[in-house]
Amino acid sequence: MTVTADLDKVLDKKYENLSLPEVLDAPVAALAGVTDAHGEALAALKIKTVGDLGRNKYVRWAVAMADLQDRTH
């Protein structure tokens, strides 16, 4: 099964034409609205790439709790 997604709105222009594996290996500043300074702050949590951010247990926990709240209210 082929899955496609339009990531243009969530990525900086420089990263829009990369493959998903390349995006996941890109620095977090590849995400629209995330600056290099934000990336440096996230590095304190050992988050350096988009993939690191998406796989971070604290991020996943927060997303799960927010989703649960949204579904119950």
PDB file of N, CA and C in Angstrom:
ATOM      1  N   MET A   1       0.843  -1.173   0.000  1.00  0.00           N
ATOM      2  CA  MET A   1       0.000   0.000   0.000  1.00  0.00           C
ATOM      3  C   MET A   1       0.892   1.241   0.000  1.00  0.00           C
ATOM      4  N   THR A   2       0.629   2.149  -0.905  1.00  0.00           N
ATOM      5  CA  THR A   2       1.369   3.396  -0.975  1.00  0.00           C
ATOM      6  C   THR A   2       0.647   4.458  -0.161  1.00  0.00           C
ATOM      7  N   VAL A   3       1.407   5.150   0.665  1.00  0.00           N
ATOM      8  CA  VAL A   3       0.849   6.233   1.464  1.00  0.00           C
ATOM      9  C   VAL A   3       1.516   7.519   1.023  1.00  0.00           C
ATOM     10  N   THR A   4       0.712   8.539   0.768  1.00  0.00           N
ATOM     11  CA  THR A   4       1.272   9.832   0.396  1.00  0.00           C
ATOM     12  C   THR A   4       0.765  10.884   1.363  1.00  0.00           C
ATOM     13  N   ALA A   5       1.560  11.931   1.521  1.00  0.00           N
ATOM     14  CA  ALA A   5       1.172  13.040   2.393  1.00  0.00           C
ATOM     15  C   ALA A   5       1.783  14.311   1.840  1.00  0.00           C
ATOM     16  N   ASP A   6       1.056  15.402   1.948  1.00  0.00           N
ATOM     17  CA  ASP A   6       1.556  16.700   1.521  1.00  0.00           C
ATOM     18  C   ASP A   6       2.166  17.374   2.743  1.00  0.00           C
ATOM     19  N   LEU A   7       3.481  17.384   2.799  1.00  0.00           N
ATOM     20  CA  LEU A   7       4.177  17.929   3.961  1.00  0.00           C
ATOM     21  C   LEU A   7       4.603  19.375   3.761  1.00  0.00           C
ATOM     22  N   ASP A   8       4.215  19.986   2.644  1.00  0.00           N
ATOM     23  CA  ASP A   8       4.637  21.352   2.339  1.00  0.00           C
ATOM     24  C   ASP A   8       4.290  22.338   3.448  1.00  0.00           C
ATOM     25  N   LYS A   9       3.168  22.153   4.092  1.00  0.00           N
ATOM     26  CA  LYS A   9       2.723  23.105   5.111  1.00  0.00           C
ATOM     27  C   LYS A   9       3.437  22.920   6.451  1.00  0.00           C
ATOM     28  N   VAL A  10       4.054  21.790   6.652  1.00  0.00           N
ATOM     29  CA  VAL A  10       4.695  21.539   7.943  1.00  0.00           C
ATOM     30  C   VAL A  10       6.218  21.576   7.881  1.00  0.00           C
ATOM     31  N   LEU A  11       6.760  21.762   6.681  1.00  0.00           N
ATOM     32  CA  LEU A  11       8.210  21.802   6.514  1.00  0.00           C
ATOM     33  C   LEU A  11       8.659  23.133   5.933  1.00  0.00           C
ATOM     34  N   ASP A  12       9.874  23.538   6.270  1.00  0.00           N
ATOM     35  CA  ASP A  12      10.480  24.687   5.611  1.00  0.00           C
ATOM     36  C   ASP A  12      10.717  24.329   4.150  1.00  0.00           C
ATOM     37  N   LYS A  13      10.675  25.330   3.292  1.00  0.00           N
ATOM     38  CA  LYS A  13      10.810  25.134   1.833  1.00  0.00           C
ATOM     39  C   LYS A  13      11.974  24.225   1.465  1.00  0.00           C
ATOM     40  N   LYS A  14      13.100  24.421   2.110  1.00  0.00           N
ATOM     41  CA  LYS A  14      14.328  23.679   1.810  1.00  0.00           C
ATOM     42  C   LYS A  14      14.142  22.160   1.926  1.00  0.00           C
ATOM     43  N   TYR A  15      13.166  21.734   2.715  1.00  0.00           N
ATOM     44  CA  TYR A  15      12.983  20.308   3.008  1.00  0.00           C
ATOM     45  C   TYR A  15      11.760  19.692   2.332  1.00  0.00           C
ATOM     46  N   GLU A  16      10.988  20.493   1.609  1.00  0.00           N
ATOM     47  CA  GLU A  16       9.712  20.037   1.055  1.00  0.00           C
ATOM     48  C   GLU A  16       9.805  18.871   0.077  1.00  0.00           C
ATOM     49  N   ASN A  17      10.894  18.756  -0.643  1.00  0.00           N
ATOM     50  CA  ASN A  17      10.997  17.717  -1.674  1.00  0.00           C
ATOM     51  C   ASN A  17      11.790  16.492  -1.231  1.00  0.00           C
ATOM     52  N   LEU A  18      12.082  16.399   0.049  1.00  0.00           N
ATOM     53  CA  LEU A  18      12.825  15.246   0.550  1.00  0.00           C
ATOM     54  C   LEU A  18      11.892  14.057   0.756  1.00  0.00           C
ATOM     55  N   SER A  19      12.470  12.883   0.733  1.00  0.00           N
ATOM     56  CA  SER A  19      11.702  11.673   1.050  1.00  0.00           C
ATOM     57  C   SER A  19      11.427  11.658   2.556  1.00  0.00           C
ATOM     58  N   LEU A  20      10.479  10.845   2.971  1.00  0.00           N
ATOM     59  CA  LEU A  20      10.161  10.752   4.394  1.00  0.00           C
ATOM     60  C   LEU A  20      11.385  10.355   5.229  1.00  0.00           C
ATOM     61  N   PRO A  21      12.168   9.356   4.813  1.00  0.00           N
ATOM     62  CA  PRO A  21      13.367   9.030   5.599  1.00  0.00           C
ATOM     63  C   PRO A  21      14.328  10.217   5.709  1.00  0.00           C
ATOM     64  N   GLU A  22      14.445  10.996   4.636  1.00  0.00           N
ATOM     65  CA  GLU A  22      15.322  12.171   4.679  1.00  0.00           C
ATOM     66  C   GLU A  22      14.767  13.236   5.620  1.00  0.00           C
ATOM     67  N   VAL A  23      13.455  13.422   5.614  1.00  0.00           N
ATOM     68  CA  VAL A  23      12.831  14.389   6.525  1.00  0.00           C
ATOM     69  C   VAL A  23      13.053  13.958   7.969  1.00  0.00           C
ATOM     70  N   LEU A  24      12.868  12.683   8.248  1.00  0.00           N
ATOM     71  CA  LEU A  24      13.047  12.191   9.613  1.00  0.00           C
ATOM     72  C   LEU A  24      14.486  12.340  10.091  1.00  0.00           C
ATOM     73  N   ASP A  25      15.438  12.335   9.171  1.00  0.00           N
ATOM     74  CA  ASP A  25      16.849  12.529   9.514  1.00  0.00           C
ATOM     75  C   ASP A  25      17.249  13.999   9.557  1.00  0.00           C
ATOM     76  N   ALA A  26      16.359  14.885   9.130  1.00  0.00           N
ATOM     77  CA  ALA A  26      16.655  16.319   9.090  1.00  0.00           C
ATOM     78  C   ALA A  26      16.587  16.906  10.502  1.00  0.00           C
ATOM     79  N   PRO A  27      17.281  18.028  10.714  1.00  0.00           N
ATOM     80  CA  PRO A  27      17.196  18.679  12.026  1.00  0.00           C
ATOM     81  C   PRO A  27      15.775  19.153  12.307  1.00  0.00           C
ATOM     82  N   VAL A  28      15.431  19.279  13.587  1.00  0.00           N
ATOM     83  CA  VAL A  28      14.074  19.697  13.940  1.00  0.00           C
ATOM     84  C   VAL A  28      13.722  21.058  13.356  1.00  0.00           C
ATOM     85  N   ALA A  29      14.709  21.874  13.061  1.00  0.00           N
ATOM     86  CA  ALA A  29      14.459  23.181  12.450  1.00  0.00           C
ATOM     87  C   ALA A  29      13.901  23.047  11.034  1.00  0.00           C
ATOM     88  N   ALA A  30      13.853  21.835  10.489  1.00  0.00           N
ATOM     89  CA  ALA A  30      13.218  21.605   9.187  1.00  0.00           C
ATOM     90  C   ALA A  30      11.708  21.786   9.286  1.00  0.00           C
ATOM     91  N   LEU A  31      11.165  21.691  10.486  1.00  0.00           N
ATOM     92  CA  LEU A  31       9.730  21.876  10.695  1.00  0.00           C
ATOM     93  C   LEU A  31       9.400  23.365  10.645  1.00  0.00           C
ATOM     94  N   ALA A  32       8.347  23.703   9.941  1.00  0.00           N
ATOM     95  CA  ALA A  32       7.935  25.102   9.822  1.00  0.00           C
ATOM     96  C   ALA A  32       7.694  25.685  11.213  1.00  0.00           C
ATOM     97  N   GLY A  33       8.303  26.826  11.481  1.00  0.00           N
ATOM     98  CA  GLY A  33       8.116  27.500  12.760  1.00  0.00           C
ATOM     99  C   GLY A  33       9.105  27.103  13.838  1.00  0.00           C
ATOM    100  N   VAL A  34       9.913  26.090  13.591  1.00  0.00           N
ATOM    101  CA  VAL A  34      10.925  25.669  14.558  1.00  0.00           C
ATOM    102  C   VAL A  34      12.259  26.270  14.130  1.00  0.00           C
ATOM    103  N   THR A  35      12.858  27.041  15.015  1.00  0.00           N
ATOM    104  CA  THR A  35      14.112  27.723  14.698  1.00  0.00           C
ATOM    105  C   THR A  35      15.311  26.889  15.139  1.00  0.00           C
ATOM    106  N   ASP A  36      16.491  27.322  14.734  1.00  0.00           N
ATOM    107  CA  ASP A  36      17.714  26.667  15.199  1.00  0.00           C
ATOM    108  C   ASP A  36      17.825  26.777  16.719  1.00  0.00           C
ATOM    109  N   ALA A  37      17.382  27.905  17.282  1.00  0.00           N
ATOM    110  CA  ALA A  37      17.414  28.078  18.740  1.00  0.00           C
ATOM    111  C   ALA A  37      16.499  27.064  19.424  1.00  0.00           C
ATOM    112  N   HIS A  38      15.336  26.820  18.841  1.00  0.00           N
ATOM    113  CA  HIS A  38      14.443  25.784  19.383  1.00  0.00           C
ATOM    114  C   HIS A  38      15.137  24.426  19.324  1.00  0.00           C
ATOM    115  N   GLY A  39      15.808  24.170  18.203  1.00  0.00           N
ATOM    116  CA  GLY A  39      16.524  22.914  18.036  1.00  0.00           C
ATOM    117  C   GLY A  39      17.592  22.725  19.089  1.00  0.00           C
ATOM    118  N   GLU A  40      18.289  23.818  19.423  1.00  0.00           N
ATOM    119  CA  GLU A  40      19.320  23.745  20.461  1.00  0.00           C
ATOM    120  C   GLU A  40      18.697  23.423  21.816  1.00  0.00           C
ATOM    121  N   ALA A  41      17.539  24.008  22.100  1.00  0.00           N
ATOM    122  CA  ALA A  41      16.855  23.718  23.364  1.00  0.00           C
ATOM    123  C   ALA A  41      16.410  22.253  23.415  1.00  0.00           C
ATOM    124  N   LEU A  42      15.886  21.746  22.304  1.00  0.00           N
ATOM    125  CA  LEU A  42      15.446  20.349  22.253  1.00  0.00           C
ATOM    126  C   LEU A  42      16.618  19.379  22.378  1.00  0.00           C
ATOM    127  N   ALA A  43      17.799  19.817  21.962  1.00  0.00           N
ATOM    128  CA  ALA A  43      18.984  18.960  22.054  1.00  0.00           C
ATOM    129  C   ALA A  43      19.269  18.564  23.500  1.00  0.00           C
ATOM    130  N   ALA A  44      18.833  19.389  24.462  1.00  0.00           N
ATOM    131  CA  ALA A  44      19.004  19.051  25.876  1.00  0.00           C
ATOM    132  C   ALA A  44      18.238  17.781  26.232  1.00  0.00           C
ATOM    133  N   LEU A  45      17.189  17.476  25.458  1.00  0.00           N
ATOM    134  CA  LEU A  45      16.417  16.243  25.651  1.00  0.00           C
ATOM    135  C   LEU A  45      16.858  15.149  24.681  1.00  0.00           C
ATOM    136  N   LYS A  46      18.009  15.357  24.061  1.00  0.00           N
ATOM    137  CA  LYS A  46      18.569  14.425  23.073  1.00  0.00           C
ATOM    138  C   LYS A  46      17.690  14.326  21.831  1.00  0.00           C
ATOM    139  N   ILE A  47      17.013  15.421  21.509  1.00  0.00           N
ATOM    140  CA  ILE A  47      16.192  15.505  20.307  1.00  0.00           C
ATOM    141  C   ILE A  47      16.945  16.375  19.317  1.00  0.00           C
ATOM    142  N   LYS A  48      17.448  15.747  18.248  1.00  0.00           N
ATOM    143  CA  LYS A  48      18.212  16.489  17.249  1.00  0.00           C
ATOM    144  C   LYS A  48      17.559  16.463  15.877  1.00  0.00           C
ATOM    145  N   THR A  49      16.774  15.437  15.604  1.00  0.00           N
ATOM    146  CA  THR A  49      16.162  15.298  14.282  1.00  0.00           C
ATOM    147  C   THR A  49      14.638  15.262  14.401  1.00  0.00           C
ATOM    148  N   VAL A  50      13.973  15.409  13.270  1.00  0.00           N
ATOM    149  CA  VAL A  50      12.514  15.300  13.236  1.00  0.00           C
ATOM    150  C   VAL A  50      12.097  13.922  13.757  1.00  0.00           C
ATOM    151  N   GLY A  51      12.826  12.899  13.368  1.00  0.00           N
ATOM    152  CA  GLY A  51      12.534  11.546  13.843  1.00  0.00           C
ATOM    153  C   GLY A  51      12.702  11.410  15.346  1.00  0.00           C
ATOM    154  N   ASP A  52      13.763  12.021  15.888  1.00  0.00           N
ATOM    155  CA  ASP A  52      13.959  11.996  17.340  1.00  0.00           C
ATOM    156  C   ASP A  52      12.761  12.621  18.051  1.00  0.00           C
ATOM    157  N   LEU A  53      12.279  13.738  17.519  1.00  0.00           N
ATOM    158  CA  LEU A  53      11.138  14.427  18.124  1.00  0.00           C
ATOM    159  C   LEU A  53       9.897  13.539  18.098  1.00  0.00           C
ATOM    160  N   GLY A  54       9.634  12.938  16.959  1.00  0.00           N
ATOM    161  CA  GLY A  54       8.450  12.096  16.818  1.00  0.00           C
ATOM    162  C   GLY A  54       8.497  10.827  17.644  1.00  0.00           C
ATOM    163  N   ARG A  55       9.700  10.379  17.957  1.00  0.00           N
ATOM    164  CA  ARG A  55       9.853   9.134  18.712  1.00  0.00           C
ATOM    165  C   ARG A  55      10.118   9.360  20.201  1.00  0.00           C
ATOM    166  N   ASN A  56      10.231  10.616  20.604  1.00  0.00           N
ATOM    167  CA  ASN A  56      10.552  10.933  21.989  1.00  0.00           C
ATOM    168  C   ASN A  56       9.414  10.507  22.915  1.00  0.00           C
ATOM    169  N   LYS A  57       9.755   9.780  23.963  1.00  0.00           N
ATOM    170  CA  LYS A  57       8.715   9.238  24.845  1.00  0.00           C
ATOM    171  C   LYS A  57       7.912  10.337  25.525  1.00  0.00           C
ATOM    172  N   TYR A  58       8.522  11.458  25.864  1.00  0.00           N
ATOM    173  CA  TYR A  58       7.790  12.541  26.523  1.00  0.00           C
ATOM    174  C   TYR A  58       6.799  13.196  25.564  1.00  0.00           C
ATOM    175  N   VAL A  59       7.214  13.360  24.330  1.00  0.00           N
ATOM    176  CA  VAL A  59       6.322  13.915  23.312  1.00  0.00           C
ATOM    177  C   VAL A  59       5.155  12.957  23.088  1.00  0.00           C
ATOM    178  N   ARG A  60       5.459  11.676  22.971  1.00  0.00           N
ATOM    179  CA  ARG A  60       4.395  10.684  22.747  1.00  0.00           C
ATOM    180  C   ARG A  60       3.415  10.636  23.915  1.00  0.00           C
ATOM    181  N   TRP A  61       3.936  10.718  25.134  1.00  0.00           N
ATOM    182  CA  TRP A  61       3.057  10.718  26.306  1.00  0.00           C
ATOM    183  C   TRP A  61       2.144  11.942  26.284  1.00  0.00           C
ATOM    184  N   ALA A  62       2.708  13.100  26.005  1.00  0.00           N
ATOM    185  CA  ALA A  62       1.920  14.336  25.983  1.00  0.00           C
ATOM    186  C   ALA A  62       0.848  14.283  24.896  1.00  0.00           C
ATOM    187  N   VAL A  63       1.208  13.788  23.716  1.00  0.00           N
ATOM    188  CA  VAL A  63       0.237  13.666  22.621  1.00  0.00           C
ATOM    189  C   VAL A  63      -0.875  12.696  23.011  1.00  0.00           C
ATOM    190  N   ALA A  64      -0.513  11.580  23.621  1.00  0.00           N
ATOM    191  CA  ALA A  64      -1.517  10.588  24.021  1.00  0.00           C
ATOM    192  C   ALA A  64      -2.491  11.174  25.042  1.00  0.00           C
ATOM    193  N   MET A  65      -1.965  11.926  26.019  1.00  0.00           N
ATOM    194  CA  MET A  65      -2.841  12.527  27.025  1.00  0.00           C
ATOM    195  C   MET A  65      -3.742  13.591  26.412  1.00  0.00           C
ATOM    196  N   ALA A  66      -3.195  14.413  25.525  1.00  0.00           N
ATOM    197  CA  ALA A  66      -3.997  15.451  24.864  1.00  0.00           C
ATOM    198  C   ALA A  66      -5.085  14.820  24.003  1.00  0.00           C
ATOM    199  N   ASP A  67      -4.739  13.762  23.273  1.00  0.00           N
ATOM    200  CA  ASP A  67      -5.737  13.061  22.451  1.00  0.00           C
ATOM    201  C   ASP A  67      -6.844  12.469  23.319  1.00  0.00           C
ATOM    202  N   LEU A  68      -6.460  11.879  24.433  1.00  0.00           N
ATOM    203  CA  LEU A  68      -7.445  11.300  25.340  1.00  0.00           C
ATOM    204  C   LEU A  68      -8.394  12.380  25.859  1.00  0.00           C
ATOM    205  N   GLN A  69      -7.839  13.502  26.266  1.00  0.00           N
ATOM    206  CA  GLN A  69      -8.667  14.617  26.748  1.00  0.00           C
ATOM    207  C   GLN A  69      -9.612  15.089  25.651  1.00  0.00           C
ATOM    208  N   ASP A  70      -9.087  15.244  24.443  1.00  0.00           N
ATOM    209  CA  ASP A  70      -9.910  15.732  23.327  1.00  0.00           C
ATOM    210  C   ASP A  70     -11.063  14.784  23.020  1.00  0.00           C
ATOM    211  N   ARG A  71     -10.847  13.509  23.205  1.00  0.00           N
ATOM    212  CA  ARG A  71     -11.889  12.520  22.893  1.00  0.00           C
ATOM    213  C   ARG A  71     -12.936  12.401  23.988  1.00  0.00           C
ATOM    214  N   THR A  72     -12.607  12.870  25.187  1.00  0.00           N
ATOM    215  CA  THR A  72     -13.540  12.743  26.304  1.00  0.00           C
ATOM    216  C   THR A  72     -14.271  14.043  26.612  1.00  0.00           C
ATOM    217  N   HIS A  73     -13.938  15.115  25.902  1.00  0.00           N
ATOM    218  CA  HIS A  73     -14.609  16.407  26.148  1.00  0.00           C
ATOM    219  C   HIS A  73     -15.194  16.965  24.890  1.00  0.00           C
TER     220      HIS A  73
END
